[in-house]
């Protein structure tokens, strides 16, 4: 069975990475089981392995280099980060299928919360369509960043529940300039973190078993 853990308060990013590294090693060695760890961070930016220097516009918050895939992203209060430490040796050893399942996890979570989240070809994360005609636009509501070490996954997903969206202005999120970001609160679907967590857990069980 997959263990679920909800971290109280705001967790320092360095502590989260160290704990994930340790748990991934324990899973690989058969000393611990899989874990989904739900956290919130203080305001910060992370740079994935594909981050471009010019996409950091304003280093108003601490910037952390991280081994996950992807580019710059923001974490902060009101955003639910779910770190998934799963053993892909037992789940097919297929990175593309794993990322697809992370997307499906978010889509089903959002559906339960009254939001239609969608994939977009060539764009990582989950998107929502807003407006119609000349006013139509697409905003990102959830991010995905994955790292694998000896087929054990860590890092994971970030769902915008009610973060300060102005904090995203210090970066080009995921290197995509022509689209914005949104949240459940911004879409008029306010949810507390406990409600979001319940939706995440139910959807995870449907997608990952």
C-alpha atoms as a PDB file:
ATOM      1  CA  UNK A   1       0.000   0.000   0.000  1.00  0.00           C
ATOM      2  CA  UNK A   2       1.102   3.552  -0.681  1.00  0.00           C
ATOM      3  CA  UNK A   3       1.648   5.627   2.449  1.00  0.00           C
ATOM      4  CA  UNK A   4       0.061   9.109   2.534  1.00  0.00           C
ATOM      5  CA  UNK A   5       1.576  11.873   4.612  1.00  0.00           C
ATOM      6  CA  UNK A   6       0.438  15.475   5.047  1.00  0.00           C
ATOM      7  CA  UNK A   7       3.197  17.799   6.249  1.00  0.00           C
ATOM      8  CA  UNK A   8       1.987  20.557   8.602  1.00  0.00           C
ATOM      9  CA  UNK A   9       3.105  24.130   8.075  1.00  0.00           C
ATOM     10  CA  UNK A  10       5.514  25.373   5.402  1.00  0.00           C
ATOM     11  CA  UNK A  11       8.352  22.976   4.646  1.00  0.00           C
ATOM     12  CA  UNK A  12      11.783  24.255   3.633  1.00  0.00           C
ATOM     13  CA  UNK A  13      12.680  23.085   0.147  1.00  0.00           C
ATOM     14  CA  UNK A  14      16.121  21.740   1.121  1.00  0.00           C
ATOM     15  CA  UNK A  15      14.527  19.552   3.788  1.00  0.00           C
ATOM     16  CA  UNK A  16      11.990  18.196   1.300  1.00  0.00           C
ATOM     17  CA  UNK A  17      14.656  17.232  -1.243  1.00  0.00           C
ATOM     18  CA  UNK A  18      16.819  15.552   1.405  1.00  0.00           C
ATOM     19  CA  UNK A  19      13.851  13.581   2.717  1.00  0.00           C
ATOM     20  CA  UNK A  20      12.822  12.500  -0.800  1.00  0.00           C
ATOM     21  CA  UNK A  21      16.352  11.357  -1.615  1.00  0.00           C
ATOM     22  CA  UNK A  22      16.470   9.308   1.582  1.00  0.00           C
ATOM     23  CA  UNK A  23      13.047   7.740   1.049  1.00  0.00           C
ATOM     24  CA  UNK A  24      13.810   6.884  -2.590  1.00  0.00           C
ATOM     25  CA  UNK A  25      16.964   5.083  -1.463  1.00  0.00           C
ATOM     26  CA  UNK A  26      15.014   3.191   1.195  1.00  0.00           C
ATOM     27  CA  UNK A  27      12.374   2.153  -1.345  1.00  0.00           C
ATOM     28  CA  UNK A  28      15.086   0.932  -3.717  1.00  0.00           C
ATOM     29  CA  UNK A  29      16.687  -1.108  -0.941  1.00  0.00           C
ATOM     30  CA  UNK A  30      13.356  -2.576   0.143  1.00  0.00           C
ATOM     31  CA  UNK A  31      13.503  -0.824   3.514  1.00  0.00           C
ATOM     32  CA  UNK A  32      10.402   1.343   3.023  1.00  0.00           C
ATOM     33  CA  UNK A  33       7.224   1.432   0.978  1.00  0.00           C
ATOM     34  CA  UNK A  34       5.951   3.925  -1.564  1.00  0.00           C
ATOM     35  CA  UNK A  35       4.947   7.364  -0.333  1.00  0.00           C
ATOM     36  CA  UNK A  36       2.849  10.307  -1.466  1.00  0.00           C
ATOM     37  CA  UNK A  37       3.884  13.325   0.586  1.00  0.00           C
ATOM     38  CA  UNK A  38       1.643  16.416   0.558  1.00  0.00           C
ATOM     39  CA  UNK A  39       3.436  19.656   1.429  1.00  0.00           C
ATOM     40  CA  UNK A  40       3.348  23.439   1.136  1.00  0.00           C
ATOM     41  CA  UNK A  41       6.523  25.470   0.754  1.00  0.00           C
ATOM     42  CA  UNK A  42       7.378  29.065   1.606  1.00  0.00           C
ATOM     43  CA  UNK A  43       7.652  31.213  -1.554  1.00  0.00           C
ATOM     44  CA  UNK A  44      10.497  30.005  -3.781  1.00  0.00           C
ATOM     45  CA  UNK A  45      11.492  29.249  -7.343  1.00  0.00           C
ATOM     46  CA  UNK A  46      13.012  26.002  -8.582  1.00  0.00           C
ATOM     47  CA  UNK A  47      15.023  25.506 -11.754  1.00  0.00           C
ATOM     48  CA  UNK A  48      14.706  22.141 -13.477  1.00  0.00           C
ATOM     49  CA  UNK A  49      17.332  20.552 -15.671  1.00  0.00           C
ATOM     50  CA  UNK A  50      16.066  22.433 -18.772  1.00  0.00           C
ATOM     51  CA  UNK A  51      15.769  25.876 -17.122  1.00  0.00           C
ATOM     52  CA  UNK A  52      16.911  28.852 -19.235  1.00  0.00           C
ATOM     53  CA  UNK A  53      18.685  31.690 -17.459  1.00  0.00           C
ATOM     54  CA  UNK A  54      16.556  34.330 -19.185  1.00  0.00           C
ATOM     55  CA  UNK A  55      13.355  32.842 -17.762  1.00  0.00           C
ATOM     56  CA  UNK A  56      14.260  34.051 -14.274  1.00  0.00           C
ATOM     57  CA  UNK A  57      12.931  37.612 -14.421  1.00  0.00           C
ATOM     58  CA  UNK A  58      13.080  38.645 -10.777  1.00  0.00           C
ATOM     59  CA  UNK A  59      14.777  36.586  -8.068  1.00  0.00           C
ATOM     60  CA  UNK A  60      12.522  38.030  -5.371  1.00  0.00           C
ATOM     61  CA  UNK A  61      12.425  34.625  -3.694  1.00  0.00           C
ATOM     62  CA  UNK A  62      15.137  32.001  -3.133  1.00  0.00           C
ATOM     63  CA  UNK A  63      16.030  30.033  -6.274  1.00  0.00           C
ATOM     64  CA  UNK A  64      16.909  26.341  -6.024  1.00  0.00           C
ATOM     65  CA  UNK A  65      18.589  24.224  -8.668  1.00  0.00           C
ATOM     66  CA  UNK A  66      16.869  20.864  -8.716  1.00  0.00           C
ATOM     67  CA  UNK A  67      17.389  17.583 -10.511  1.00  0.00           C
ATOM     68  CA  UNK A  68      13.806  17.237 -11.701  1.00  0.00           C
ATOM     69  CA  UNK A  69      12.927  17.642 -15.340  1.00  0.00           C
ATOM     70  CA  UNK A  70      11.467  20.872 -16.667  1.00  0.00           C
ATOM     71  CA  UNK A  71      12.243  24.549 -16.352  1.00  0.00           C
ATOM     72  CA  UNK A  72      11.428  27.237 -13.762  1.00  0.00           C
ATOM     73  CA  UNK A  73       8.467  26.861 -11.481  1.00  0.00           C
ATOM     74  CA  UNK A  74       7.103  28.529  -8.369  1.00  0.00           C
ATOM     75  CA  UNK A  75       6.098  26.957  -5.072  1.00  0.00           C
ATOM     76  CA  UNK A  76       4.439  28.779  -2.212  1.00  0.00           C
ATOM     77  CA  UNK A  77       1.605  28.916   0.319  1.00  0.00           C
ATOM     78  CA  UNK A  78      -1.756  27.957  -1.128  1.00  0.00           C
ATOM     79  CA  UNK A  79      -0.204  25.542  -3.622  1.00  0.00           C
ATOM     80  CA  UNK A  80      -0.442  21.848  -2.854  1.00  0.00           C
ATOM     81  CA  UNK A  81       2.711  20.006  -3.820  1.00  0.00           C
ATOM     82  CA  UNK A  82       2.413  16.214  -3.938  1.00  0.00           C
ATOM     83  CA  UNK A  83       5.746  14.424  -3.946  1.00  0.00           C
ATOM     84  CA  UNK A  84       5.292  10.895  -5.266  1.00  0.00           C
ATOM     85  CA  UNK A  85       7.962   8.354  -4.366  1.00  0.00           C
ATOM     86  CA  UNK A  86       6.871   5.314  -6.340  1.00  0.00           C
ATOM     87  CA  UNK A  87       8.659   2.146  -7.381  1.00  0.00           C
ATOM     88  CA  UNK A  88       8.438   2.067 -11.162  1.00  0.00           C
ATOM     89  CA  UNK A  89      10.190  -1.296 -11.201  1.00  0.00           C
ATOM     90  CA  UNK A  90       6.781  -2.586 -10.098  1.00  0.00           C
ATOM     91  CA  UNK A  91       4.827  -0.162 -12.287  1.00  0.00           C
ATOM     92  CA  UNK A  92       6.079  -0.933 -15.775  1.00  0.00           C
ATOM     93  CA  UNK A  93       9.397   0.973 -16.045  1.00  0.00           C
ATOM     94  CA  UNK A  94       7.770   3.355 -18.529  1.00  0.00           C
ATOM     95  CA  UNK A  95       8.523   7.045 -17.950  1.00  0.00           C
ATOM     96  CA  UNK A  96       6.095   8.291 -20.597  1.00  0.00           C
ATOM     97  CA  UNK A  97       3.263   6.220 -19.145  1.00  0.00           C
ATOM     98  CA  UNK A  98       4.115   7.472 -15.665  1.00  0.00           C
ATOM     99  CA  UNK A  99       3.919  11.118 -16.717  1.00  0.00           C
ATOM    100  CA  UNK A 100       0.625  10.390 -18.483  1.00  0.00           C
ATOM    101  CA  UNK A 101      -0.699   8.905 -15.232  1.00  0.00           C
ATOM    102  CA  UNK A 102       0.406  11.992 -13.284  1.00  0.00           C
ATOM    103  CA  UNK A 103      -1.536  14.105 -15.780  1.00  0.00           C
ATOM    104  CA  UNK A 104      -4.575  11.864 -15.405  1.00  0.00           C
ATOM    105  CA  UNK A 105      -4.289  12.109 -11.621  1.00  0.00           C
ATOM    106  CA  UNK A 106      -4.509  15.898 -11.844  1.00  0.00           C
ATOM    107  CA  UNK A 107      -7.305  15.869 -14.422  1.00  0.00           C
ATOM    108  CA  UNK A 108      -9.458  13.579 -12.274  1.00  0.00           C
ATOM    109  CA  UNK A 109      -8.697  15.630  -9.162  1.00  0.00           C
ATOM    110  CA  UNK A 110      -9.755  18.837 -10.895  1.00  0.00           C
ATOM    111  CA  UNK A 111     -12.900  17.198 -12.242  1.00  0.00           C
ATOM    112  CA  UNK A 112     -13.910  16.313  -8.686  1.00  0.00           C
ATOM    113  CA  UNK A 113     -13.371  19.971  -7.774  1.00  0.00           C
ATOM    114  CA  UNK A 114     -15.513  21.266 -10.633  1.00  0.00           C
ATOM    115  CA  UNK A 115     -12.754  22.257 -13.071  1.00  0.00           C
ATOM    116  CA  UNK A 116     -12.116  20.883 -16.560  1.00  0.00           C
ATOM    117  CA  UNK A 117      -8.353  20.354 -16.746  1.00  0.00           C
ATOM    118  CA  UNK A 118      -6.786  19.347 -20.045  1.00  0.00           C
ATOM    119  CA  UNK A 119      -3.510  18.209 -21.567  1.00  0.00           C
ATOM    120  CA  UNK A 120      -1.892  20.230 -24.335  1.00  0.00           C
ATOM    121  CA  UNK A 121       0.479  18.779 -26.905  1.00  0.00           C
ATOM    122  CA  UNK A 122       3.987  20.095 -26.382  1.00  0.00           C
ATOM    123  CA  UNK A 123       3.146  21.753 -23.035  1.00  0.00           C
ATOM    124  CA  UNK A 124       3.824  20.059 -19.728  1.00  0.00           C
ATOM    125  CA  UNK A 125       1.219  20.363 -17.000  1.00  0.00           C
ATOM    126  CA  UNK A 126      -2.540  20.741 -16.916  1.00  0.00           C
ATOM    127  CA  UNK A 127      -4.409  23.626 -18.531  1.00  0.00           C
ATOM    128  CA  UNK A 128      -7.845  25.248 -18.389  1.00  0.00           C
ATOM    129  CA  UNK A 129      -9.670  26.987 -21.218  1.00  0.00           C
ATOM    130  CA  UNK A 130     -10.972  30.444 -20.280  1.00  0.00           C
ATOM    131  CA  UNK A 131     -13.298  32.717 -22.215  1.00  0.00           C
ATOM    132  CA  UNK A 132     -14.472  32.447 -25.809  1.00  0.00           C
ATOM    133  CA  UNK A 133     -13.684  33.979 -29.178  1.00  0.00           C
ATOM    134  CA  UNK A 134     -11.114  36.771 -29.156  1.00  0.00           C
ATOM    135  CA  UNK A 135     -11.092  36.673 -25.349  1.00  0.00           C
ATOM    136  CA  UNK A 136     -10.242  32.978 -25.210  1.00  0.00           C
ATOM    137  CA  UNK A 137      -7.067  31.992 -23.435  1.00  0.00           C
ATOM    138  CA  UNK A 138      -5.510  29.032 -21.688  1.00  0.00           C
ATOM    139  CA  UNK A 139      -3.982  29.158 -18.234  1.00  0.00           C
ATOM    140  CA  UNK A 140      -1.928  26.595 -16.370  1.00  0.00           C
ATOM    141  CA  UNK A 141      -3.381  25.283 -13.130  1.00  0.00           C
ATOM    142  CA  UNK A 142      -0.995  22.461 -12.300  1.00  0.00           C
ATOM    143  CA  UNK A 143       2.652  21.630 -12.934  1.00  0.00           C
ATOM    144  CA  UNK A 144       4.517  18.342 -13.242  1.00  0.00           C
ATOM    145  CA  UNK A 145       8.194  17.746 -12.576  1.00  0.00           C
ATOM    146  CA  UNK A 146       9.686  14.269 -12.294  1.00  0.00           C
ATOM    147  CA  UNK A 147      12.995  12.736 -11.382  1.00  0.00           C
ATOM    148  CA  UNK A 148      13.819   9.034 -11.452  1.00  0.00           C
ATOM    149  CA  UNK A 149      16.717   7.362  -9.691  1.00  0.00           C
ATOM    150  CA  UNK A 150      17.144   3.639 -10.335  1.00  0.00           C
ATOM    151  CA  UNK A 151      13.443   3.548 -11.312  1.00  0.00           C
ATOM    152  CA  UNK A 152      12.265   5.141  -8.080  1.00  0.00           C
ATOM    153  CA  UNK A 153      10.331   8.369  -8.732  1.00  0.00           C
ATOM    154  CA  UNK A 154      10.429  11.535  -6.726  1.00  0.00           C
ATOM    155  CA  UNK A 155       9.342  15.147  -7.071  1.00  0.00           C
ATOM    156  CA  UNK A 156       5.828  15.071  -8.596  1.00  0.00           C
ATOM    157  CA  UNK A 157       2.982  17.534  -9.086  1.00  0.00           C
ATOM    158  CA  UNK A 158       1.902  20.998  -7.910  1.00  0.00           C
ATOM    159  CA  UNK A 159      -1.756  22.051  -7.876  1.00  0.00           C
ATOM    160  CA  UNK A 160      -2.659  25.737  -7.545  1.00  0.00           C
ATOM    161  CA  UNK A 161      -5.363  25.817  -4.907  1.00  0.00           C
ATOM    162  CA  UNK A 162      -5.158  29.456  -3.757  1.00  0.00           C
ATOM    163  CA  UNK A 163      -1.581  30.742  -4.087  1.00  0.00           C
ATOM    164  CA  UNK A 164      -0.660  34.383  -4.680  1.00  0.00           C
ATOM    165  CA  UNK A 165      -0.591  34.364  -8.480  1.00  0.00           C
ATOM    166  CA  UNK A 166       1.486  37.557  -8.540  1.00  0.00           C
ATOM    167  CA  UNK A 167       4.400  35.477  -7.257  1.00  0.00           C
ATOM    168  CA  UNK A 168       4.605  33.707 -10.623  1.00  0.00           C
ATOM    169  CA  UNK A 169       5.608  37.007 -12.255  1.00  0.00           C
ATOM    170  CA  UNK A 170       9.242  36.545 -11.266  1.00  0.00           C
ATOM    171  CA  UNK A 171       9.678  33.714 -13.778  1.00  0.00           C
ATOM    172  CA  UNK A 172       8.491  32.472 -17.144  1.00  0.00           C
ATOM    173  CA  UNK A 173       6.705  29.419 -15.742  1.00  0.00           C
ATOM    174  CA  UNK A 174       7.945  26.288 -17.497  1.00  0.00           C
ATOM    175  CA  UNK A 175       9.383  28.512 -20.249  1.00  0.00           C
ATOM    176  CA  UNK A 176       5.948  29.308 -21.700  1.00  0.00           C
ATOM    177  CA  UNK A 177       5.510  33.032 -22.319  1.00  0.00           C
ATOM    178  CA  UNK A 178       2.210  33.172 -24.172  1.00  0.00           C
ATOM    179  CA  UNK A 179       0.001  31.680 -21.454  1.00  0.00           C
ATOM    180  CA  UNK A 180      -0.780  32.550 -17.859  1.00  0.00           C
ATOM    181  CA  UNK A 181      -1.415  30.728 -14.614  1.00  0.00           C
ATOM    182  CA  UNK A 182      -4.566  30.246 -12.613  1.00  0.00           C
ATOM    183  CA  UNK A 183      -5.844  28.518  -9.495  1.00  0.00           C
ATOM    184  CA  UNK A 184      -9.005  27.026  -8.090  1.00  0.00           C
ATOM    185  CA  UNK A 185      -9.643  30.276  -6.229  1.00  0.00           C
ATOM    186  CA  UNK A 186      -9.007  32.373  -9.356  1.00  0.00           C
ATOM    187  CA  UNK A 187     -11.525  30.255 -11.261  1.00  0.00           C
ATOM    188  CA  UNK A 188     -14.164  30.810  -8.607  1.00  0.00           C
ATOM    189  CA  UNK A 189     -13.830  27.265  -7.294  1.00  0.00           C
ATOM    190  CA  UNK A 190     -12.405  27.970  -3.849  1.00  0.00           C
ATOM    191  CA  UNK A 191     -11.398  24.887  -1.925  1.00  0.00           C
ATOM    192  CA  UNK A 192      -9.528  24.494   1.322  1.00  0.00           C
ATOM    193  CA  UNK A 193      -6.431  22.334   1.341  1.00  0.00           C
ATOM    194  CA  UNK A 194      -8.167  19.440   3.080  1.00  0.00           C
ATOM    195  CA  UNK A 195     -10.784  19.292   0.306  1.00  0.00           C
ATOM    196  CA  UNK A 196      -8.070  19.356  -2.364  1.00  0.00           C
ATOM    197  CA  UNK A 197      -6.160  16.643  -0.509  1.00  0.00           C
ATOM    198  CA  UNK A 198      -9.217  14.393  -0.375  1.00  0.00           C
ATOM    199  CA  UNK A 199      -9.761  14.818  -4.118  1.00  0.00           C
ATOM    200  CA  UNK A 200      -6.079  14.097  -4.797  1.00  0.00           C
ATOM    201  CA  UNK A 201      -6.144  10.904  -2.769  1.00  0.00           C
ATOM    202  CA  UNK A 202      -9.347   9.580  -4.336  1.00  0.00           C
ATOM    203  CA  UNK A 203      -8.061  10.280  -7.844  1.00  0.00           C
ATOM    204  CA  UNK A 204      -4.665   8.740  -7.087  1.00  0.00           C
ATOM    205  CA  UNK A 205      -6.289   5.499  -6.002  1.00  0.00           C
ATOM    206  CA  UNK A 206      -8.314   5.362  -9.208  1.00  0.00           C
ATOM    207  CA  UNK A 207      -5.322   6.064 -11.472  1.00  0.00           C
ATOM    208  CA  UNK A 208      -2.493   4.256  -9.712  1.00  0.00           C
ATOM    209  CA  UNK A 209      -4.394   1.608  -7.766  1.00  0.00           C
END
